[in-house]
Amino acid sequence: MGLRNLLVNNFAETEIRTDKGQVFENYVFLRLNELYRQEEMKFWRTADQKEVDFLVSDSFEKNIAFEVKFNASGIKTSKYKTFKKNYPEFDFQFIEYTSNNYPDTIPVLKL
């Protein structure tokens, strides 16, 4: 992340960055990469651009889907109905930075 910030010449505080969502998603990837093997992590996207950021299926057959949002106000649960319907075996959770106690979110510090 430091090299990326150097290349784009942006070392601003996270909360005022225009790319804060992407930076936070990258941070979450790095943390998940410490917990799971890369072959256990995937993402999901449909032809009409619906997506889920991270799908984790570990060797204990625990299936978790994570959607990353910088702010809980960006969470629109209706956007994920298709995924939940097609993949009911996945526990679907949001990871958010701001920890506004939105239902079904994991504050970033719990990772």
PDB file of N, CA and C in Angstrom:
ATOM      1  N   MET A   1       0.817  -1.187   0.000  1.00  0.00           N
ATOM      2  CA  MET A   1       0.000   0.000   0.000  1.00  0.00           C
ATOM      3  C   MET A   1       0.867   1.259   0.000  1.00  0.00           C
ATOM      4  N   GLY A   2       1.978   1.194   0.690  1.00  0.00           N
ATOM      5  CA  GLY A   2       2.862   2.351   0.705  1.00  0.00           C
ATOM      6  C   GLY A   2       3.399   2.683  -0.672  1.00  0.00           C
ATOM      7  N   LEU A   3       3.797   1.672  -1.425  1.00  0.00           N
ATOM      8  CA  LEU A   3       4.281   1.887  -2.788  1.00  0.00           C
ATOM      9  C   LEU A   3       3.173   2.451  -3.671  1.00  0.00           C
ATOM     10  N   ARG A   4       1.972   1.924  -3.529  1.00  0.00           N
ATOM     11  CA  ARG A   4       0.837   2.436  -4.298  1.00  0.00           C
ATOM     12  C   ARG A   4       0.587   3.910  -3.972  1.00  0.00           C
ATOM     13  N   ASN A   5       0.587   4.230  -2.693  1.00  0.00           N
ATOM     14  CA  ASN A   5       0.377   5.618  -2.287  1.00  0.00           C
ATOM     15  C   ASN A   5       1.466   6.530  -2.840  1.00  0.00           C
ATOM     16  N   LEU A   6       2.696   6.031  -2.874  1.00  0.00           N
ATOM     17  CA  LEU A   6       3.788   6.816  -3.439  1.00  0.00           C
ATOM     18  C   LEU A   6       3.562   7.062  -4.930  1.00  0.00           C
ATOM     19  N   LEU A   7       3.161   6.023  -5.649  1.00  0.00           N
ATOM     20  CA  LEU A   7       2.955   6.159  -7.091  1.00  0.00           C
ATOM     21  C   LEU A   7       1.812   7.117  -7.432  1.00  0.00           C
ATOM     22  N   VAL A   8       0.764   7.132  -6.620  1.00  0.00           N
ATOM     23  CA  VAL A   8      -0.354   8.051  -6.886  1.00  0.00           C
ATOM     24  C   VAL A   8      -0.201   9.362  -6.108  1.00  0.00           C
ATOM     25  N   ASN A   9       0.888   9.464  -5.326  1.00  0.00           N
ATOM     26  CA  ASN A   9       1.193  10.656  -4.548  1.00  0.00           C
ATOM     27  C   ASN A   9       0.011  11.074  -3.662  1.00  0.00           C
ATOM     28  N   ASN A  10      -0.457  10.118  -2.858  1.00  0.00           N
ATOM     29  CA  ASN A  10      -1.586  10.395  -1.978  1.00  0.00           C
ATOM     30  C   ASN A  10      -1.332   9.739  -0.630  1.00  0.00           C
ATOM     31  N   PHE A  11      -1.011  10.557   0.361  1.00  0.00           N
ATOM     32  CA  PHE A  11      -0.782  10.093   1.717  1.00  0.00           C
ATOM     33  C   PHE A  11      -1.774  10.734   2.687  1.00  0.00           C
ATOM     34  N   ALA A  12      -2.927  11.140   2.159  1.00  0.00           N
ATOM     35  CA  ALA A  12      -3.944  11.806   2.976  1.00  0.00           C
ATOM     36  C   ALA A  12      -4.533  10.829   3.988  1.00  0.00           C
ATOM     37  N   GLU A  13      -5.160  11.383   5.015  1.00  0.00           N
ATOM     38  CA  GLU A  13      -5.862  10.568   6.000  1.00  0.00           C
ATOM     39  C   GLU A  13      -6.930   9.744   5.298  1.00  0.00           C
ATOM     40  N   THR A  14      -7.141   8.554   5.781  1.00  0.00           N
ATOM     41  CA  THR A  14      -8.069   7.615   5.143  1.00  0.00           C
ATOM     42  C   THR A  14      -9.455   8.213   4.931  1.00  0.00           C
ATOM     43  N   GLU A  15      -9.998   8.866   5.935  1.00  0.00           N
ATOM     44  CA  GLU A  15     -11.377   9.362   5.871  1.00  0.00           C
ATOM     45  C   GLU A  15     -11.610  10.393   4.774  1.00  0.00           C
ATOM     46  N   ILE A  16     -10.566  11.110   4.314  1.00  0.00           N
ATOM     47  CA  ILE A  16     -10.767  12.146   3.297  1.00  0.00           C
ATOM     48  C   ILE A  16     -10.311  11.715   1.905  1.00  0.00           C
ATOM     49  N   ARG A  17      -9.839  10.508   1.769  1.00  0.00           N
ATOM     50  CA  ARG A  17      -9.366  10.023   0.469  1.00  0.00           C
ATOM     51  C   ARG A  17     -10.542   9.689  -0.438  1.00  0.00           C
ATOM     52  N   THR A  18     -10.388   9.942  -1.726  1.00  0.00           N
ATOM     53  CA  THR A  18     -11.434   9.565  -2.676  1.00  0.00           C
ATOM     54  C   THR A  18     -11.391   8.073  -2.984  1.00  0.00           C
ATOM     55  N   ASP A  19     -10.263   7.432  -2.728  1.00  0.00           N
ATOM     56  CA  ASP A  19     -10.126   6.001  -2.990  1.00  0.00           C
ATOM     57  C   ASP A  19     -10.156   5.170  -1.704  1.00  0.00           C
ATOM     58  N   LYS A  20     -10.796   5.697  -0.664  1.00  0.00           N
ATOM     59  CA  LYS A  20     -10.774   5.026   0.633  1.00  0.00           C
ATOM     60  C   LYS A  20     -11.421   3.640   0.587  1.00  0.00           C
ATOM     61  N   GLY A  21     -12.443   3.458  -0.237  1.00  0.00           N
ATOM     62  CA  GLY A  21     -13.064   2.143  -0.358  1.00  0.00           C
ATOM     63  C   GLY A  21     -12.108   1.109  -0.916  1.00  0.00           C
ATOM     64  N   GLN A  22     -11.376   1.484  -1.955  1.00  0.00           N
ATOM     65  CA  GLN A  22     -10.411   0.570  -2.563  1.00  0.00           C
ATOM     66  C   GLN A  22      -9.248   0.285  -1.617  1.00  0.00           C
ATOM     67  N   VAL A  23      -8.790   1.299  -0.914  1.00  0.00           N
ATOM     68  CA  VAL A  23      -7.686   1.119   0.031  1.00  0.00           C
ATOM     69  C   VAL A  23      -8.115   0.182   1.157  1.00  0.00           C
ATOM     70  N   PHE A  24      -9.338   0.387   1.658  1.00  0.00           N
ATOM     71  CA  PHE A  24      -9.840  -0.458   2.736  1.00  0.00           C
ATOM     72  C   PHE A  24     -10.041  -1.898   2.253  1.00  0.00           C
ATOM     73  N   GLU A  25     -10.553  -2.074   1.054  1.00  0.00           N
ATOM     74  CA  GLU A  25     -10.743  -3.415   0.511  1.00  0.00           C
ATOM     75  C   GLU A  25      -9.395  -4.129   0.368  1.00  0.00           C
ATOM     76  N   ASN A  26      -8.371  -3.405  -0.029  1.00  0.00           N
ATOM     77  CA  ASN A  26      -7.043  -3.988  -0.135  1.00  0.00           C
ATOM     78  C   ASN A  26      -6.534  -4.401   1.245  1.00  0.00           C
ATOM     79  N   TYR A  27      -6.769  -3.582   2.243  1.00  0.00           N
ATOM     80  CA  TYR A  27      -6.375  -3.906   3.612  1.00  0.00           C
ATOM     81  C   TYR A  27      -7.064  -5.201   4.065  1.00  0.00           C
ATOM     82  N   VAL A  28      -8.360  -5.307   3.790  1.00  0.00           N
ATOM     83  CA  VAL A  28      -9.102  -6.507   4.182  1.00  0.00           C
ATOM     84  C   VAL A  28      -8.521  -7.729   3.476  1.00  0.00           C
ATOM     85  N   PHE A  29      -8.207  -7.596   2.189  1.00  0.00           N
ATOM     86  CA  PHE A  29      -7.585  -8.706   1.466  1.00  0.00           C
ATOM     87  C   PHE A  29      -6.289  -9.135   2.148  1.00  0.00           C
ATOM     88  N   LEU A  30      -5.459  -8.188   2.506  1.00  0.00           N
ATOM     89  CA  LEU A  30      -4.189  -8.526   3.152  1.00  0.00           C
ATOM     90  C   LEU A  30      -4.418  -9.261   4.474  1.00  0.00           C
ATOM     91  N   ARG A  31      -5.408  -8.821   5.234  1.00  0.00           N
ATOM     92  CA  ARG A  31      -5.715  -9.489   6.509  1.00  0.00           C
ATOM     93  C   ARG A  31      -6.272 -10.886   6.286  1.00  0.00           C
ATOM     94  N   LEU A  32      -7.211 -11.039   5.328  1.00  0.00           N
ATOM     95  CA  LEU A  32      -7.751 -12.366   5.026  1.00  0.00           C
ATOM     96  C   LEU A  32      -6.667 -13.296   4.498  1.00  0.00           C
ATOM     97  N   ASN A  33      -5.727 -12.728   3.757  1.00  0.00           N
ATOM     98  CA  ASN A  33      -4.622 -13.511   3.209  1.00  0.00           C
ATOM     99  C   ASN A  33      -3.722 -14.065   4.324  1.00  0.00           C
ATOM    100  N   GLU A  34      -3.730 -13.422   5.479  1.00  0.00           N
ATOM    101  CA  GLU A  34      -2.993 -13.932   6.632  1.00  0.00           C
ATOM    102  C   GLU A  34      -3.730 -15.097   7.296  1.00  0.00           C
ATOM    103  N   LEU A  35      -5.061 -15.119   7.141  1.00  0.00           N
ATOM    104  CA  LEU A  35      -5.881 -16.132   7.803  1.00  0.00           C
ATOM    105  C   LEU A  35      -6.176 -17.353   6.938  1.00  0.00           C
ATOM    106  N   TYR A  36      -6.194 -17.153   5.625  1.00  0.00           N
ATOM    107  CA  TYR A  36      -6.587 -18.223   4.698  1.00  0.00           C
ATOM    108  C   TYR A  36      -5.557 -18.344   3.582  1.00  0.00           C
ATOM    109  N   ARG A  37      -5.498 -19.533   3.004  1.00  0.00           N
ATOM    110  CA  ARG A  37      -4.646 -19.726   1.837  1.00  0.00           C
ATOM    111  C   ARG A  37      -5.299 -19.070   0.624  1.00  0.00           C
ATOM    112  N   GLN A  38      -4.499 -18.629  -0.321  1.00  0.00           N
ATOM    113  CA  GLN A  38      -5.043 -17.926  -1.489  1.00  0.00           C
ATOM    114  C   GLN A  38      -6.014 -18.783  -2.272  1.00  0.00           C
ATOM    115  N   GLU A  39      -5.784 -20.075  -2.346  1.00  0.00           N
ATOM    116  CA  GLU A  39      -6.713 -20.933  -3.083  1.00  0.00           C
ATOM    117  C   GLU A  39      -8.060 -21.095  -2.381  1.00  0.00           C
ATOM    118  N   GLU A  40      -8.147 -20.670  -1.125  1.00  0.00           N
ATOM    119  CA  GLU A  40      -9.415 -20.702  -0.392  1.00  0.00           C
ATOM    120  C   GLU A  40     -10.223 -19.420  -0.596  1.00  0.00           C
ATOM    121  N   MET A  41      -9.629 -18.404  -1.206  1.00  0.00           N
ATOM    122  CA  MET A  41     -10.294 -17.103  -1.375  1.00  0.00           C
ATOM    123  C   MET A  41     -10.635 -16.864  -2.845  1.00  0.00           C
ATOM    124  N   LYS A  42     -11.856 -16.393  -3.051  1.00  0.00           N
ATOM    125  CA  LYS A  42     -12.319 -16.082  -4.396  1.00  0.00           C
ATOM    126  C   LYS A  42     -13.190 -14.833  -4.325  1.00  0.00           C
ATOM    127  N   PHE A  43     -13.679 -14.377  -5.481  1.00  0.00           N
ATOM    128  CA  PHE A  43     -14.688 -13.323  -5.501  1.00  0.00           C
ATOM    129  C   PHE A  43     -15.799 -13.783  -6.421  1.00  0.00           C
ATOM    130  N   TRP A  44     -16.931 -13.100  -6.367  1.00  0.00           N
ATOM    131  CA  TRP A  44     -18.096 -13.476  -7.164  1.00  0.00           C
ATOM    132  C   TRP A  44     -18.608 -12.245  -7.893  1.00  0.00           C
ATOM    133  N   ARG A  45     -18.863 -12.414  -9.196  1.00  0.00           N
ATOM    134  CA  ARG A  45     -19.429 -11.311  -9.980  1.00  0.00           C
ATOM    135  C   ARG A  45     -20.283 -11.894 -11.097  1.00  0.00           C
ATOM    136  N   THR A  46     -21.425 -11.241 -11.336  1.00  0.00           N
ATOM    137  CA  THR A  46     -22.320 -11.671 -12.401  1.00  0.00           C
ATOM    138  C   THR A  46     -22.053 -10.839 -13.651  1.00  0.00           C
ATOM    139  N   ALA A  47     -22.667 -11.242 -14.754  1.00  0.00           N
ATOM    140  CA  ALA A  47     -22.517 -10.504 -16.011  1.00  0.00           C
ATOM    141  C   ALA A  47     -23.056  -9.086 -15.893  1.00  0.00           C
ATOM    142  N   ASP A  48     -24.050  -8.878 -15.016  1.00  0.00           N
ATOM    143  CA  ASP A  48     -24.599  -7.525 -14.840  1.00  0.00           C
ATOM    144  C   ASP A  48     -23.923  -6.768 -13.688  1.00  0.00           C
ATOM    145  N   GLN A  49     -22.698  -7.204 -13.332  1.00  0.00           N
ATOM    146  CA  GLN A  49     -21.799  -6.510 -12.402  1.00  0.00           C
ATOM    147  C   GLN A  49     -22.216  -6.553 -10.928  1.00  0.00           C
ATOM    148  N   LYS A  50     -23.081  -7.476 -10.532  1.00  0.00           N
ATOM    149  CA  LYS A  50     -23.324  -7.689  -9.104  1.00  0.00           C
ATOM    150  C   LYS A  50     -22.115  -8.450  -8.597  1.00  0.00           C
ATOM    151  N   GLU A  51     -21.647  -8.089  -7.397  1.00  0.00           N
ATOM    152  CA  GLU A  51     -20.444  -8.749  -6.906  1.00  0.00           C
ATOM    153  C   GLU A  51     -20.436  -8.889  -5.398  1.00  0.00           C
ATOM    154  N   VAL A  52     -19.624  -9.829  -4.947  1.00  0.00           N
ATOM    155  CA  VAL A  52     -19.297 -10.011  -3.540  1.00  0.00           C
ATOM    156  C   VAL A  52     -17.776 -10.037  -3.491  1.00  0.00           C
ATOM    157  N   ASP A  53     -17.207  -9.258  -2.580  1.00  0.00           N
ATOM    158  CA  ASP A  53     -15.761  -9.038  -2.583  1.00  0.00           C
ATOM    159  C   ASP A  53     -14.929 -10.281  -2.298  1.00  0.00           C
ATOM    160  N   PHE A  54     -15.281 -11.045  -1.270  1.00  0.00           N
ATOM    161  CA  PHE A  54     -14.459 -12.191  -0.900  1.00  0.00           C
ATOM    162  C   PHE A  54     -15.334 -13.373  -0.516  1.00  0.00           C
ATOM    163  N   LEU A  55     -15.042 -14.526  -1.108  1.00  0.00           N
ATOM    164  CA  LEU A  55     -15.651 -15.792  -0.723  1.00  0.00           C
ATOM    165  C   LEU A  55     -14.537 -16.652  -0.163  1.00  0.00           C
ATOM    166  N   VAL A  56     -14.752 -17.179   1.023  1.00  0.00           N
ATOM    167  CA  VAL A  56     -13.736 -18.009   1.653  1.00  0.00           C
ATOM    168  C   VAL A  56     -14.343 -19.372   1.936  1.00  0.00           C
ATOM    169  N   SER A  57     -13.700 -20.404   1.423  1.00  0.00           N
ATOM    170  CA  SER A  57     -14.070 -21.790   1.705  1.00  0.00           C
ATOM    171  C   SER A  57     -12.815 -22.462   2.220  1.00  0.00           C
ATOM    172  N   ASP A  58     -12.790 -22.716   3.518  1.00  0.00           N
ATOM    173  CA  ASP A  58     -11.565 -23.293   4.072  1.00  0.00           C
ATOM    174  C   ASP A  58     -11.638 -24.811   4.145  1.00  0.00           C
ATOM    175  N   SER A  59     -10.577 -25.406   4.606  1.00  0.00           N
ATOM    176  CA  SER A  59     -10.478 -26.864   4.640  1.00  0.00           C
ATOM    177  C   SER A  59     -11.447 -27.494   5.637  1.00  0.00           C
ATOM    178  N   PHE A  60     -12.042 -26.700   6.502  1.00  0.00           N
ATOM    179  CA  PHE A  60     -13.034 -27.201   7.454  1.00  0.00           C
ATOM    180  C   PHE A  60     -14.454 -27.039   6.905  1.00  0.00           C
ATOM    181  N   GLU A  61     -14.538 -26.748   5.610  1.00  0.00           N
ATOM    182  CA  GLU A  61     -15.801 -26.559   4.895  1.00  0.00           C
ATOM    183  C   GLU A  61     -16.655 -25.443   5.500  1.00  0.00           C
ATOM    184  N   LYS A  62     -15.975 -24.449   5.997  1.00  0.00           N
ATOM    185  CA  LYS A  62     -16.642 -23.248   6.484  1.00  0.00           C
ATOM    186  C   LYS A  62     -16.691 -22.278   5.310  1.00  0.00           C
ATOM    187  N   ASN A  63     -17.868 -21.850   4.914  1.00  0.00           N
ATOM    188  CA  ASN A  63     -18.039 -20.963   3.770  1.00  0.00           C
ATOM    189  C   ASN A  63     -18.528 -19.599   4.250  1.00  0.00           C
ATOM    190  N   ILE A  64     -17.737 -18.586   3.983  1.00  0.00           N
ATOM    191  CA  ILE A  64     -18.086 -17.227   4.400  1.00  0.00           C
ATOM    192  C   ILE A  64     -17.947 -16.304   3.199  1.00  0.00           C
ATOM    193  N   ALA A  65     -18.931 -15.439   3.021  1.00  0.00           N
ATOM    194  CA  ALA A  65     -18.879 -14.397   2.001  1.00  0.00           C
ATOM    195  C   ALA A  65     -18.745 -13.064   2.723  1.00  0.00           C
ATOM    196  N   PHE A  66     -17.766 -12.266   2.296  1.00  0.00           N
ATOM    197  CA  PHE A  66     -17.532 -10.958   2.895  1.00  0.00           C
ATOM    198  C   PHE A  66     -17.725  -9.869   1.849  1.00  0.00           C
ATOM    199  N   GLU A  67     -18.511  -8.890   2.173  1.00  0.00           N
ATOM    200  CA  GLU A  67     -18.640  -7.682   1.353  1.00  0.00           C
ATOM    201  C   GLU A  67     -18.029  -6.551   2.167  1.00  0.00           C
ATOM    202  N   VAL A  68     -17.109  -5.816   1.560  1.00  0.00           N
ATOM    203  CA  VAL A  68     -16.353  -4.782   2.258  1.00  0.00           C
ATOM    204  C   VAL A  68     -16.930  -3.411   1.924  1.00  0.00           C
ATOM    205  N   LYS A  69     -17.226  -2.646   2.964  1.00  0.00           N
ATOM    206  CA  LYS A  69     -17.717  -1.278   2.803  1.00  0.00           C
ATOM    207  C   LYS A  69     -16.965  -0.374   3.764  1.00  0.00           C
ATOM    208  N   PHE A  70     -16.545   0.767   3.268  1.00  0.00           N
ATOM    209  CA  PHE A  70     -15.859   1.704   4.152  1.00  0.00           C
ATOM    210  C   PHE A  70     -16.816   2.258   5.191  1.00  0.00           C
ATOM    211  N   ASN A  71     -18.033   2.537   4.771  1.00  0.00           N
ATOM    212  CA  ASN A  71     -19.032   3.137   5.642  1.00  0.00           C
ATOM    213  C   ASN A  71     -20.302   2.302   5.592  1.00  0.00           C
ATOM    214  N   ALA A  72     -20.908   2.070   6.737  1.00  0.00           N
ATOM    215  CA  ALA A  72     -22.120   1.253   6.795  1.00  0.00           C
ATOM    216  C   ALA A  72     -23.260   1.858   5.986  1.00  0.00           C
ATOM    217  N   SER A  73     -23.221   3.151   5.730  1.00  0.00           N
ATOM    218  CA  SER A  73     -24.293   3.764   4.932  1.00  0.00           C
ATOM    219  C   SER A  73     -24.270   3.257   3.499  1.00  0.00           C
ATOM    220  N   GLY A  74     -23.165   2.662   3.066  1.00  0.00           N
ATOM    221  CA  GLY A  74     -23.063   2.099   1.727  1.00  0.00           C
ATOM    222  C   GLY A  74     -23.629   0.693   1.607  1.00  0.00           C
ATOM    223  N   ILE A  75     -24.118   0.145   2.713  1.00  0.00           N
ATOM    224  CA  ILE A  75     -24.640  -1.218   2.709  1.00  0.00           C
ATOM    225  C   ILE A  75     -26.089  -1.215   2.246  1.00  0.00           C
ATOM    226  N   LYS A  76     -26.330  -1.923   1.162  1.00  0.00           N
ATOM    227  CA  LYS A  76     -27.675  -2.108   0.616  1.00  0.00           C
ATOM    228  C   LYS A  76     -27.895  -3.619   0.534  1.00  0.00           C
ATOM    229  N   THR A  77     -28.525  -4.185   1.543  1.00  0.00           N
ATOM    230  CA  THR A  77     -28.652  -5.639   1.636  1.00  0.00           C
ATOM    231  C   THR A  77     -29.423  -6.235   0.460  1.00  0.00           C
ATOM    232  N   SER A  78     -30.304  -5.482  -0.149  1.00  0.00           N
ATOM    233  CA  SER A  78     -31.084  -6.009  -1.272  1.00  0.00           C
ATOM    234  C   SER A  78     -30.202  -6.340  -2.475  1.00  0.00           C
ATOM    235  N   LYS A  79     -29.033  -5.724  -2.587  1.00  0.00           N
ATOM    236  CA  LYS A  79     -28.127  -5.987  -3.704  1.00  0.00           C
ATOM    237  C   LYS A  79     -27.569  -7.412  -3.683  1.00  0.00           C
ATOM    238  N   TYR A  80     -27.699  -8.104  -2.565  1.00  0.00           N
ATOM    239  CA  TYR A  80     -27.060  -9.402  -2.401  1.00  0.00           C
ATOM    240  C   TYR A  80     -28.060 -10.561  -2.362  1.00  0.00           C
ATOM    241  N   LYS A  81     -29.316 -10.290  -2.692  1.00  0.00           N
ATOM    242  CA  LYS A  81     -30.337 -11.343  -2.682  1.00  0.00           C
ATOM    243  C   LYS A  81     -30.006 -12.463  -3.657  1.00  0.00           C
ATOM    244  N   THR A  82     -29.526 -12.122  -4.849  1.00  0.00           N
ATOM    245  CA  THR A  82     -29.193 -13.130  -5.851  1.00  0.00           C
ATOM    246  C   THR A  82     -28.111 -14.068  -5.332  1.00  0.00           C
ATOM    247  N   PHE A  83     -27.075 -13.499  -4.741  1.00  0.00           N
ATOM    248  CA  PHE A  83     -25.998 -14.328  -4.198  1.00  0.00           C
ATOM    249  C   PHE A  83     -26.534 -15.225  -3.093  1.00  0.00           C
ATOM    250  N   LYS A  84     -27.270 -14.656  -2.152  1.00  0.00           N
ATOM    251  CA  LYS A  84     -27.776 -15.431  -1.018  1.00  0.00           C
ATOM    252  C   LYS A  84     -28.701 -16.552  -1.479  1.00  0.00           C
ATOM    253  N   LYS A  85     -29.486 -16.288  -2.496  1.00  0.00           N
ATOM    254  CA  LYS A  85     -30.404 -17.301  -3.023  1.00  0.00           C
ATOM    255  C   LYS A  85     -29.634 -18.444  -3.685  1.00  0.00           C
ATOM    256  N   ASN A  86     -28.605 -18.111  -4.468  1.00  0.00           N
ATOM    257  CA  ASN A  86     -27.853 -19.117  -5.208  1.00  0.00           C
ATOM    258  C   ASN A  86     -26.796 -19.840  -4.378  1.00  0.00           C
ATOM    259  N   TYR A  87     -26.368 -19.241  -3.288  1.00  0.00           N
ATOM    260  CA  TYR A  87     -25.315 -19.832  -2.456  1.00  0.00           C
ATOM    261  C   TYR A  87     -25.708 -19.800  -0.974  1.00  0.00           C
ATOM    262  N   PRO A  88     -26.768 -20.518  -0.609  1.00  0.00           N
ATOM    263  CA  PRO A  88     -27.239 -20.465   0.790  1.00  0.00           C
ATOM    264  C   PRO A  88     -26.252 -21.072   1.785  1.00  0.00           C
ATOM    265  N   GLU A  89     -25.280 -21.838   1.292  1.00  0.00           N
ATOM    266  CA  GLU A  89     -24.308 -22.452   2.192  1.00  0.00           C
ATOM    267  C   GLU A  89     -23.270 -21.448   2.705  1.00  0.00           C
ATOM    268  N   PHE A  90     -23.256 -20.243   2.138  1.00  0.00           N
ATOM    269  CA  PHE A  90     -22.312 -19.215   2.578  1.00  0.00           C
ATOM    270  C   PHE A  90     -22.938 -18.333   3.651  1.00  0.00           C
ATOM    271  N   ASP A  91     -22.208 -18.169   4.730  1.00  0.00           N
ATOM    272  CA  ASP A  91     -22.572 -17.194   5.756  1.00  0.00           C
ATOM    273  C   ASP A  91     -22.168 -15.826   5.202  1.00  0.00           C
ATOM    274  N   PHE A  92     -23.124 -14.936   4.995  1.00  0.00           N
ATOM    275  CA  PHE A  92     -22.858 -13.644   4.357  1.00  0.00           C
ATOM    276  C   PHE A  92     -22.671 -12.578   5.422  1.00  0.00           C
ATOM    277  N   GLN A  93     -21.539 -11.874   5.356  1.00  0.00           N
ATOM    278  CA  GLN A  93     -21.235 -10.839   6.342  1.00  0.00           C
ATOM    279  C   GLN A  93     -20.649  -9.610   5.666  1.00  0.00           C
ATOM    280  N   PHE A  94     -20.882  -8.469   6.288  1.00  0.00           N
ATOM    281  CA  PHE A  94     -20.272  -7.219   5.845  1.00  0.00           C
ATOM    282  C   PHE A  94     -19.093  -6.912   6.756  1.00  0.00           C
ATOM    283  N   ILE A  95     -18.044  -6.391   6.169  1.00  0.00           N
ATOM    284  CA  ILE A  95     -16.921  -5.860   6.941  1.00  0.00           C
ATOM    285  C   ILE A  95     -16.917  -4.369   6.670  1.00  0.00           C
ATOM    286  N   GLU A  96     -16.984  -3.585   7.731  1.00  0.00           N
ATOM    287  CA  GLU A  96     -17.016  -2.132   7.535  1.00  0.00           C
ATOM    288  C   GLU A  96     -16.030  -1.435   8.449  1.00  0.00           C
ATOM    289  N   TYR A  97     -15.572  -0.308   7.962  1.00  0.00           N
ATOM    290  CA  TYR A  97     -14.530   0.459   8.639  1.00  0.00           C
ATOM    291  C   TYR A  97     -15.070   1.299   9.787  1.00  0.00           C
ATOM    292  N   THR A  98     -16.233   1.888   9.596  1.00  0.00           N
ATOM    293  CA  THR A  98     -16.691   2.905  10.533  1.00  0.00           C
ATOM    294  C   THR A  98     -17.363   2.369  11.779  1.00  0.00           C
ATOM    295  N   SER A  99     -17.723   1.095  11.797  1.00  0.00           N
ATOM    296  CA  SER A  99     -18.311   0.442  12.985  1.00  0.00           C
ATOM    297  C   SER A  99     -19.496   1.199  13.550  1.00  0.00           C
ATOM    298  N   ASN A 100     -20.483   1.439  12.699  1.00  0.00           N
ATOM    299  CA  ASN A 100     -21.704   2.130  13.151  1.00  0.00           C
ATOM    300  C   ASN A 100     -22.752   1.159  13.660  1.00  0.00           C
ATOM    301  N   ASN A 101     -22.336  -0.039  14.009  1.00  0.00           N
ATOM    302  CA  ASN A 101     -23.239  -1.058  14.536  1.00  0.00           C
ATOM    303  C   ASN A 101     -24.397  -1.375  13.604  1.00  0.00           C
ATOM    304  N   TYR A 102     -24.133  -1.367  12.320  1.00  0.00           N
ATOM    305  CA  TYR A 102     -25.123  -1.779  11.344  1.00  0.00           C
ATOM    306  C   TYR A 102     -25.332  -3.280  11.517  1.00  0.00           C
ATOM    307  N   PRO A 103     -26.566  -3.776  11.423  1.00  0.00           N
ATOM    308  CA  PRO A 103     -26.786  -5.219  11.605  1.00  0.00           C
ATOM    309  C   PRO A 103     -25.933  -6.050  10.650  1.00  0.00           C
ATOM    310  N   ASP A 104     -25.421  -7.152  11.158  1.00  0.00           N
ATOM    311  CA  ASP A 104     -24.636  -8.118  10.375  1.00  0.00           C
ATOM    312  C   ASP A 104     -23.325  -7.558   9.841  1.00  0.00           C
ATOM    313  N   THR A 105     -22.717  -6.625  10.541  1.00  0.00           N
ATOM    314  CA  THR A 105     -21.417  -6.124  10.108  1.00  0.00           C
ATOM    315  C   THR A 105     -20.337  -6.575  11.082  1.00  0.00           C
ATOM    316  N   ILE A 106     -19.148  -6.677  10.548  1.00  0.00           N
ATOM    317  CA  ILE A 106     -17.970  -6.998  11.354  1.00  0.00           C
ATOM    318  C   ILE A 106     -17.091  -5.753  11.348  1.00  0.00           C
ATOM    319  N   PRO A 107     -16.916  -5.101  12.484  1.00  0.00           N
ATOM    320  CA  PRO A 107     -15.993  -3.959  12.489  1.00  0.00           C
ATOM    321  C   PRO A 107     -14.607  -4.421  12.105  1.00  0.00           C
ATOM    322  N   VAL A 108     -13.886  -3.568  11.465  1.00  0.00           N
ATOM    323  CA  VAL A 108     -12.578  -3.932  10.916  1.00  0.00           C
ATOM    324  C   VAL A 108     -11.635  -4.444  11.994  1.00  0.00           C
ATOM    325  N   LEU A 109     -11.711  -3.962  13.192  1.00  0.00           N
ATOM    326  CA  LEU A 109     -10.766  -4.360  14.224  1.00  0.00           C
ATOM    327  C   LEU A 109     -10.943  -5.803  14.676  1.00  0.00           C
ATOM    328  N   LYS A 110     -12.067  -6.443  14.325  1.00  0.00           N
ATOM    329  CA  LYS A 110     -12.280  -7.833  14.715  1.00  0.00           C
ATOM    330  C   LYS A 110     -11.587  -8.818  13.790  1.00  0.00           C
ATOM    331  N   LEU A 111     -11.031  -8.358  12.684  1.00  0.00           N
ATOM    332  CA  LEU A 111     -10.379  -9.296  11.761  1.00  0.00           C
ATOM    333  C   LEU A 111      -9.120  -9.871  12.357  1.00  0.00           C
TER     334      LEU A 111
END
